[in-house]
Amino acid sequence: MPARQLEAIGGRALADAVAATPEGAWWARALEWLEDLAGAGHHLIAITDADYPALLRQTADPPPVLFVCGRRELLHGPALAVVGSRNPTPAGAENARAFSSALARAGITVVSGLARGIDGLSHEAALTEPGSTIAVLGVGPDVIYPKAHRGLQARIAAAGCLVSEMPPGMGMQRYAFPRRNRIIAGLSLGCLVVEAATASGSLITAREALEAGREVFAVPGSIHSPQSRGCHRLIRQGAVLVEMLADILEALPLGPLEASARGAAAAIHAEASAGVDQNGVEAVTGDATRKAQATRSPLLTALGDEPSSLDALVTRSGLDAPGVLAGLMELELDGHVGRTADGRFQRIRKAVV
């Protein structure tokens, strides 16, 4: 289109922007990245290509191109977005691992944003399972962000799939992260929010899923936990309340995968039941172990399912402060208790999904 027509449509700024030539360094880096492992791992998929993800193409604002690294076939299988807080509670972290592992074990790809917290835990749990995982980046496909996930990002590139609409070399831009949420939602049949505060970015992904006509799921939590209030809001607004994997399967058009997933859930349940008693303490034998369990049992009872302070546990358990601290340390080392961001203690039940 001649510059004169462009100027008539959008002004001189539009005409100048269209006429401008991209910097040579940008093209050089993009071509270098594509040629690095061309045909084996690095791909550029345009919206006009036959292998552009069909679900993503159906959304209101699909990216015109995707830079893809890894197993591009994962872009075409059944997928579910799993998102949540960057600072999850111990219970939230356990739920993220359990649901992501069960979903991927059933052949459902877990899609998330490689952020700290729930995102990273979800990728990690799904990575070794058949469904594996897709990480949607808010930076170029060759940029490591966050730095703490350098190793995880490399493993996803090898055994899962990295996706970005940003070109190689593009560093962190604040506007890019909310925009990548529409890709996370668009690649997925639905969105599971594990934990989210009321101002969480995870709620943006949930909204994108709703606008794309996808199902939204939310895991409820403690009424005292700020990290659960976003989930509770979603549930009040009509999101599916999730307690187990079947709650997700019943709402998604997965067909034959449902039986497979239920089998995976049954296997997880059997595994958990074999090694964990009703208090969440590993079933073991011997007088010494029974004595240790007798000390820990009042603490587990006192903890219940709500985050609790040290003073509250002393009052509830009837033990003195040193005894409570010693018991909590032992439980924490065994993986039965964790600490919340504000320093309280929370019981970790092995999630059976």
Protein backbone atom coordinates (compact mmCIF):
# COMPACT_ATOMS: atom_id res chain seq x y z
CA MET A 1 0.00 0.00 0.00
CA PRO A 2 1.43 3.41 -0.94
CA ALA A 3 2.58 5.62 1.94
CA ARG A 4 -0.07 8.19 0.95
CA GLN A 5 -2.88 5.66 1.57
CA LEU A 6 -1.36 4.56 4.88
CA GLU A 7 -1.12 8.17 6.00
CA ALA A 8 -4.78 8.72 5.09
CA ILE A 9 -5.77 5.72 7.23
CA GLY A 10 -3.62 6.20 10.30
CA GLY A 11 -1.61 9.36 10.00
CA ARG A 12 2.04 10.05 9.28
CA ALA A 13 3.26 8.01 12.27
CA LEU A 14 1.69 4.82 10.86
CA ALA A 15 3.13 5.43 7.40
CA ASP A 16 6.61 6.03 8.84
CA ALA A 17 6.42 2.95 11.09
CA VAL A 18 5.44 0.66 8.21
CA ALA A 19 8.16 2.11 6.01
CA ALA A 20 10.87 1.71 8.65
CA THR A 21 13.30 -1.16 8.14
CA PRO A 22 13.90 -3.38 11.18
CA GLU A 23 17.39 -3.26 12.54
CA GLY A 24 19.77 -5.65 10.90
CA ALA A 25 20.90 -7.04 14.25
CA TRP A 26 17.33 -8.16 15.02
CA TRP A 27 17.07 -10.13 11.78
CA ALA A 28 20.53 -11.59 12.21
CA ARG A 29 19.79 -12.89 15.70
CA ALA A 30 16.42 -14.36 14.67
CA LEU A 31 17.95 -16.14 11.68
CA GLU A 32 20.87 -17.39 13.75
CA TRP A 33 18.46 -18.84 16.32
CA LEU A 34 16.32 -20.53 13.66
CA GLU A 35 19.33 -22.02 11.88
CA ASP A 36 20.95 -23.20 15.11
CA LEU A 37 18.80 -26.33 15.35
CA ALA A 38 16.64 -25.99 12.23
CA GLY A 39 14.51 -29.08 11.71
CA ALA A 40 15.53 -30.49 15.08
CA GLY A 41 14.30 -28.09 17.72
CA HIS A 42 13.91 -24.43 16.70
CA HIS A 43 10.87 -23.44 14.67
CA LEU A 44 9.00 -20.37 13.47
CA ILE A 45 5.28 -21.09 13.02
CA ALA A 46 3.12 -18.48 11.30
CA ILE A 47 -0.63 -18.20 11.78
CA THR A 48 -1.08 -19.16 8.13
CA ASP A 49 0.83 -22.43 8.58
CA ALA A 50 -1.08 -25.71 8.78
CA ASP A 51 0.61 -26.65 12.06
CA TYR A 52 -0.29 -23.42 13.89
CA PRO A 53 -2.19 -24.50 17.06
CA ALA A 54 -5.87 -24.69 16.13
CA LEU A 55 -7.19 -23.69 19.55
CA LEU A 56 -4.97 -20.63 19.67
CA ARG A 57 -6.03 -19.57 16.17
CA GLN A 58 -9.65 -19.51 17.35
CA THR A 59 -8.98 -16.80 19.95
CA ALA A 60 -9.68 -13.10 19.44
CA ASP A 61 -6.02 -12.02 19.34
CA PRO A 62 -3.76 -14.89 18.23
CA PRO A 63 -0.07 -14.03 17.78
CA PRO A 64 0.88 -13.82 14.09
CA VAL A 65 3.99 -15.94 14.67
CA LEU A 66 5.29 -18.28 17.35
CA PHE A 67 8.93 -19.04 18.07
CA VAL A 68 8.94 -22.64 19.26
CA CYS A 69 11.71 -24.69 20.84
CA GLY A 70 11.33 -28.40 21.55
CA ARG A 71 8.47 -30.82 20.96
CA ARG A 72 6.14 -28.86 18.66
CA GLU A 73 3.68 -31.79 18.60
CA LEU A 74 2.65 -30.83 22.14
CA LEU A 75 0.96 -27.76 20.64
CA HIS A 76 -1.71 -30.00 19.11
CA GLY A 77 -2.65 -32.36 21.94
CA PRO A 78 -5.17 -31.82 24.76
CA ALA A 79 -3.76 -29.26 27.20
CA LEU A 80 -4.75 -27.52 30.42
CA ALA A 81 -3.29 -24.29 31.78
CA VAL A 82 -2.15 -24.56 35.41
CA VAL A 83 -1.37 -21.22 37.03
CA GLY A 84 -1.16 -19.65 40.46
CA SER A 85 0.73 -17.61 43.01
CA ARG A 86 4.43 -16.82 42.80
CA ASN A 87 4.54 -17.29 46.59
CA PRO A 88 2.39 -20.38 47.22
CA THR A 89 1.62 -21.83 50.61
CA PRO A 90 3.02 -25.32 51.30
CA ALA A 91 -0.44 -26.77 50.61
CA GLY A 92 -0.68 -24.83 47.35
CA ALA A 93 2.72 -26.09 46.21
CA GLU A 94 1.71 -29.68 46.96
CA ASN A 95 -1.57 -29.27 45.06
CA ALA A 96 0.25 -27.81 42.04
CA ARG A 97 2.63 -30.77 41.91
CA ALA A 98 -0.09 -33.38 42.41
CA PHE A 99 -2.55 -32.04 39.83
CA SER A 100 0.12 -31.31 37.21
CA SER A 101 1.69 -34.74 37.58
CA ALA A 102 -1.70 -36.49 37.36
CA LEU A 103 -2.79 -34.45 34.33
CA ALA A 104 0.44 -35.09 32.42
CA ARG A 105 0.43 -38.76 33.44
CA ALA A 106 -2.99 -39.01 31.78
CA GLY A 107 -1.62 -37.51 28.54
CA ILE A 108 -2.83 -33.95 29.12
CA THR A 109 -0.16 -31.31 28.47
CA VAL A 110 0.34 -28.81 31.30
CA VAL A 111 0.69 -25.24 30.04
CA SER A 112 2.06 -22.47 32.24
CA GLY A 113 4.26 -19.37 32.21
CA LEU A 114 7.57 -20.51 33.79
CA ALA A 115 7.21 -17.93 36.59
CA ARG A 116 8.37 -18.63 40.13
CA GLY A 117 5.98 -20.50 42.40
CA ILE A 118 3.04 -22.48 41.01
CA ASP A 119 4.17 -22.15 37.36
CA GLY A 120 7.61 -23.63 37.94
CA LEU A 121 6.31 -26.37 40.24
CA SER A 122 3.69 -27.35 37.65
CA HIS A 123 6.24 -27.58 34.83
CA GLU A 124 8.59 -29.59 37.03
CA ALA A 125 5.92 -32.11 38.03
CA ALA A 126 4.65 -32.62 34.47
CA LEU A 127 8.00 -32.76 32.68
CA THR A 128 8.71 -36.47 33.11
CA GLU A 129 5.14 -37.62 32.37
CA PRO A 130 3.71 -38.60 28.94
CA GLY A 131 1.70 -35.38 28.48
CA SER A 132 4.73 -33.24 29.40
CA THR A 133 4.57 -29.46 29.51
CA ILE A 134 4.56 -26.20 27.50
CA ALA A 135 6.17 -23.05 28.92
CA VAL A 136 4.93 -19.80 27.37
CA LEU A 137 7.60 -17.14 27.75
CA GLY A 138 7.28 -13.38 28.08
CA VAL A 139 10.77 -12.96 26.61
CA GLY A 140 12.53 -14.20 23.49
CA PRO A 141 12.93 -17.99 23.17
CA ASP A 142 16.69 -17.74 23.78
CA VAL A 143 16.44 -15.55 26.88
CA ILE A 144 16.54 -17.06 30.38
CA TYR A 145 13.88 -15.60 32.68
CA PRO A 146 13.68 -15.89 35.60
CA LYS A 147 17.36 -16.70 36.05
CA ALA A 148 16.54 -19.16 38.84
CA HIS A 149 14.78 -21.34 36.23
CA ARG A 150 17.80 -21.65 33.93
CA GLY A 151 18.02 -25.42 34.46
CA LEU A 152 14.26 -25.96 34.28
CA GLN A 153 13.99 -23.95 31.05
CA ALA A 154 16.74 -26.06 29.48
CA ARG A 155 14.99 -29.28 30.50
CA ILE A 156 11.67 -28.08 29.09
CA ALA A 157 13.40 -27.25 25.80
CA ALA A 158 14.72 -30.83 25.71
CA ALA A 159 11.67 -32.80 26.93
CA GLY A 160 8.80 -30.34 26.60
CA CYS A 161 8.13 -27.21 24.58
CA LEU A 162 9.02 -23.50 24.90
CA VAL A 163 6.80 -20.98 23.10
CA SER A 164 7.14 -17.21 22.64
CA GLU A 165 5.71 -14.56 20.37
CA MET A 166 8.74 -12.41 21.20
CA PRO A 167 11.72 -12.62 18.83
CA PRO A 168 15.08 -14.05 19.88
CA GLY A 169 17.06 -11.60 21.94
CA MET A 170 14.01 -9.76 23.29
CA GLY A 171 14.58 -9.19 27.01
CA MET A 172 12.07 -8.48 29.73
CA GLN A 173 9.40 -5.96 28.79
CA ARG A 174 6.71 -5.33 31.39
CA TYR A 175 3.90 -5.29 28.82
CA ALA A 176 4.84 -8.72 27.47
CA PHE A 177 3.91 -10.77 30.54
CA PRO A 178 0.20 -9.93 30.68
CA ARG A 179 0.05 -10.52 26.91
CA ARG A 180 1.63 -13.96 27.13
CA ASN A 181 -1.27 -14.99 29.42
CA ARG A 182 -3.63 -14.98 26.42
CA ILE A 183 -1.36 -17.56 24.76
CA ILE A 184 -1.35 -19.76 27.86
CA ALA A 185 -5.16 -19.67 27.88
CA GLY A 186 -5.47 -19.96 24.11
CA LEU A 187 -3.40 -23.15 23.85
CA SER A 188 -5.53 -24.86 26.51
CA LEU A 189 -8.94 -26.46 26.83
CA GLY A 190 -9.29 -24.82 30.24
CA CYS A 191 -7.44 -23.06 33.04
CA LEU A 192 -6.82 -24.41 36.54
CA VAL A 193 -6.00 -21.76 39.16
CA VAL A 194 -4.32 -23.48 42.10
CA GLU A 195 -3.76 -20.47 44.36
CA ALA A 196 -4.20 -16.76 43.70
CA ALA A 197 -4.54 -13.56 45.65
CA THR A 198 -7.19 -11.09 44.53
CA ALA A 199 -4.61 -9.05 42.57
CA SER A 200 -2.84 -12.07 41.06
CA GLY A 201 -1.78 -12.21 37.43
CA SER A 202 -3.29 -15.70 37.38
CA LEU A 203 -6.72 -14.08 37.33
CA ILE A 204 -5.74 -12.39 34.05
CA THR A 205 -5.11 -15.84 32.57
CA ALA A 206 -8.46 -17.04 33.93
CA ARG A 207 -10.20 -14.05 32.32
CA GLU A 208 -8.44 -14.75 29.02
CA ALA A 209 -9.67 -18.36 29.23
CA LEU A 210 -13.26 -17.20 29.81
CA GLU A 211 -13.08 -14.77 26.88
CA ALA A 212 -11.81 -17.60 24.68
CA GLY A 213 -14.77 -19.76 25.71
CA ARG A 214 -12.67 -22.15 27.79
CA GLU A 215 -13.55 -23.67 31.17
CA VAL A 216 -12.09 -22.18 34.36
CA PHE A 217 -11.28 -24.32 37.40
CA ALA A 218 -10.20 -23.24 40.87
CA VAL A 219 -8.86 -25.08 43.91
CA PRO A 220 -10.42 -23.78 47.15
CA GLY A 221 -8.27 -23.10 50.20
CA SER A 222 -8.38 -21.77 53.71
CA ILE A 223 -10.70 -18.81 54.32
CA HIS A 224 -7.81 -17.28 56.30
CA SER A 225 -5.28 -17.50 53.45
CA PRO A 226 -4.87 -14.40 51.23
CA GLN A 227 -3.49 -16.75 48.58
CA SER A 228 -6.89 -18.44 48.25
CA ARG A 229 -9.12 -15.38 47.92
CA GLY A 230 -8.67 -15.12 44.18
CA CYS A 231 -9.75 -18.76 43.79
CA HIS A 232 -12.76 -18.21 46.02
CA ARG A 233 -13.76 -15.20 43.92
CA LEU A 234 -13.55 -17.28 40.75
CA ILE A 235 -15.70 -20.00 42.32
CA ARG A 236 -18.33 -17.43 43.33
CA GLN A 237 -18.31 -16.21 39.73
CA GLY A 238 -18.96 -19.72 38.38
CA ALA A 239 -15.58 -21.45 38.10
CA VAL A 240 -15.60 -25.21 38.67
CA LEU A 241 -14.55 -26.05 42.24
CA VAL A 242 -11.80 -28.65 42.02
CA GLU A 243 -11.02 -31.22 44.71
CA MET A 244 -9.82 -34.07 42.51
CA LEU A 245 -8.83 -34.87 38.95
CA ALA A 246 -12.32 -36.18 38.11
CA ASP A 247 -13.74 -32.67 38.65
CA ILE A 248 -11.61 -31.48 35.72
CA LEU A 249 -12.18 -34.49 33.47
CA GLU A 250 -15.95 -34.26 33.76
CA ALA A 251 -15.90 -30.70 32.40
CA LEU A 252 -13.46 -31.17 29.51
CA PRO A 253 -14.04 -32.85 26.12
CA LEU A 254 -11.28 -35.41 26.56
CA GLY A 255 -13.00 -38.56 25.31
CA PRO A 256 -10.82 -41.68 25.65
CA LEU A 257 -8.30 -39.85 27.83
CA GLU A 258 -10.77 -39.84 30.70
CA ALA A 259 -10.41 -43.54 31.43
CA SER A 260 -6.64 -43.25 31.28
CA ALA A 261 -6.65 -40.30 33.66
CA ARG A 262 -8.91 -42.04 36.12
CA GLY A 263 -6.52 -44.97 36.09
CA ALA A 264 -3.66 -42.60 36.89
CA ALA A 265 -5.68 -41.08 39.72
CA ALA A 266 -6.40 -44.53 41.13
CA ALA A 267 -2.69 -45.38 41.00
CA ILE A 268 -1.80 -42.19 42.87
CA HIS A 269 -4.45 -42.96 45.48
CA ALA A 270 -3.14 -46.49 45.97
CA GLU A 271 0.43 -45.24 46.25
CA ALA A 272 -0.54 -42.64 48.84
CA SER A 273 -2.65 -45.08 50.83
CA ALA A 274 0.15 -47.65 50.93
CA GLY A 275 2.68 -45.32 52.54
CA VAL A 276 0.68 -42.73 54.48
CA ASP A 277 -1.69 -43.16 57.43
CA GLN A 278 -4.78 -41.05 58.16
CA ASN A 279 -2.73 -38.34 59.87
CA GLY A 280 -0.46 -37.95 56.84
CA VAL A 281 2.44 -39.57 58.71
CA GLU A 282 4.37 -42.32 56.96
CA ALA A 283 3.28 -45.73 58.21
CA VAL A 284 6.29 -47.39 59.82
CA THR A 285 6.91 -49.99 62.49
CA GLY A 286 9.10 -50.29 65.57
CA ASP A 287 8.90 -48.97 69.12
CA ALA A 288 11.12 -45.94 68.42
CA THR A 289 8.98 -44.85 65.48
CA ARG A 290 5.73 -45.34 67.41
CA LYS A 291 7.15 -43.16 70.18
CA ALA A 292 8.07 -40.44 67.68
CA GLN A 293 4.60 -40.61 66.16
CA ALA A 294 3.04 -40.26 69.60
CA THR A 295 4.92 -36.98 70.06
CA ARG A 296 4.01 -35.70 66.59
CA SER A 297 0.35 -36.72 66.64
CA PRO A 298 -0.83 -33.94 69.00
CA LEU A 299 0.93 -31.42 66.79
CA LEU A 300 -0.71 -32.72 63.62
CA THR A 301 -4.07 -32.63 65.39
CA ALA A 302 -3.39 -29.11 66.63
CA LEU A 303 -2.38 -27.96 63.17
CA GLY A 304 -5.54 -29.16 61.48
CA ASP A 305 -5.77 -27.70 57.98
CA GLU A 306 -5.26 -24.02 58.74
CA PRO A 307 -1.97 -22.08 58.99
CA SER A 308 -1.15 -21.65 62.69
CA SER A 309 1.28 -19.61 64.77
CA LEU A 310 3.69 -21.12 67.30
CA ASP A 311 1.69 -19.66 70.21
CA ALA A 312 -1.53 -21.16 68.90
CA LEU A 313 0.08 -24.59 68.59
CA VAL A 314 1.46 -24.42 72.13
CA THR A 315 -2.03 -23.64 73.43
CA ARG A 316 -3.80 -26.30 71.36
CA SER A 317 -1.31 -29.14 71.83
CA GLY A 318 -0.63 -28.74 75.56
CA LEU A 319 3.13 -29.05 74.87
CA ASP A 320 5.72 -26.47 75.87
CA ALA A 321 7.29 -24.18 73.25
CA PRO A 322 10.61 -26.12 72.95
CA GLY A 323 8.68 -29.37 72.50
CA VAL A 324 6.46 -27.83 69.83
CA LEU A 325 9.47 -26.40 67.98
CA ALA A 326 11.31 -29.72 68.07
CA GLY A 327 8.25 -31.58 66.83
CA LEU A 328 7.64 -29.05 64.07
CA MET A 329 11.25 -29.29 62.90
CA GLU A 330 10.95 -33.07 62.64
CA LEU A 331 7.65 -32.82 60.78
CA GLU A 332 9.10 -30.20 58.45
CA LEU A 333 12.11 -32.37 57.64
CA ASP A 334 9.77 -35.28 56.87
CA GLY A 335 7.69 -33.13 54.53
CA HIS A 336 4.52 -33.10 56.65
CA VAL A 337 4.69 -29.43 57.68
CA GLY A 338 5.71 -26.28 55.82
CA ARG A 339 5.98 -22.58 56.59
CA THR A 340 3.86 -19.92 54.98
CA ALA A 341 5.30 -16.61 53.78
CA ASP A 342 4.30 -14.92 57.05
CA GLY A 343 6.10 -17.51 59.21
CA ARG A 344 3.14 -19.61 60.30
CA PHE A 345 3.08 -23.41 60.10
CA GLN A 346 0.81 -25.40 57.81
CA ARG A 347 0.17 -29.10 57.56
CA ILE A 348 0.92 -30.63 54.17
CA ARG A 349 -1.38 -33.45 53.24
CA LYS A 350 -0.20 -35.50 50.29
CA ALA A 351 -2.76 -34.55 47.66
CA VAL A 352 -4.69 -37.49 46.25
CA VAL A 353 -6.12 -36.30 42.96
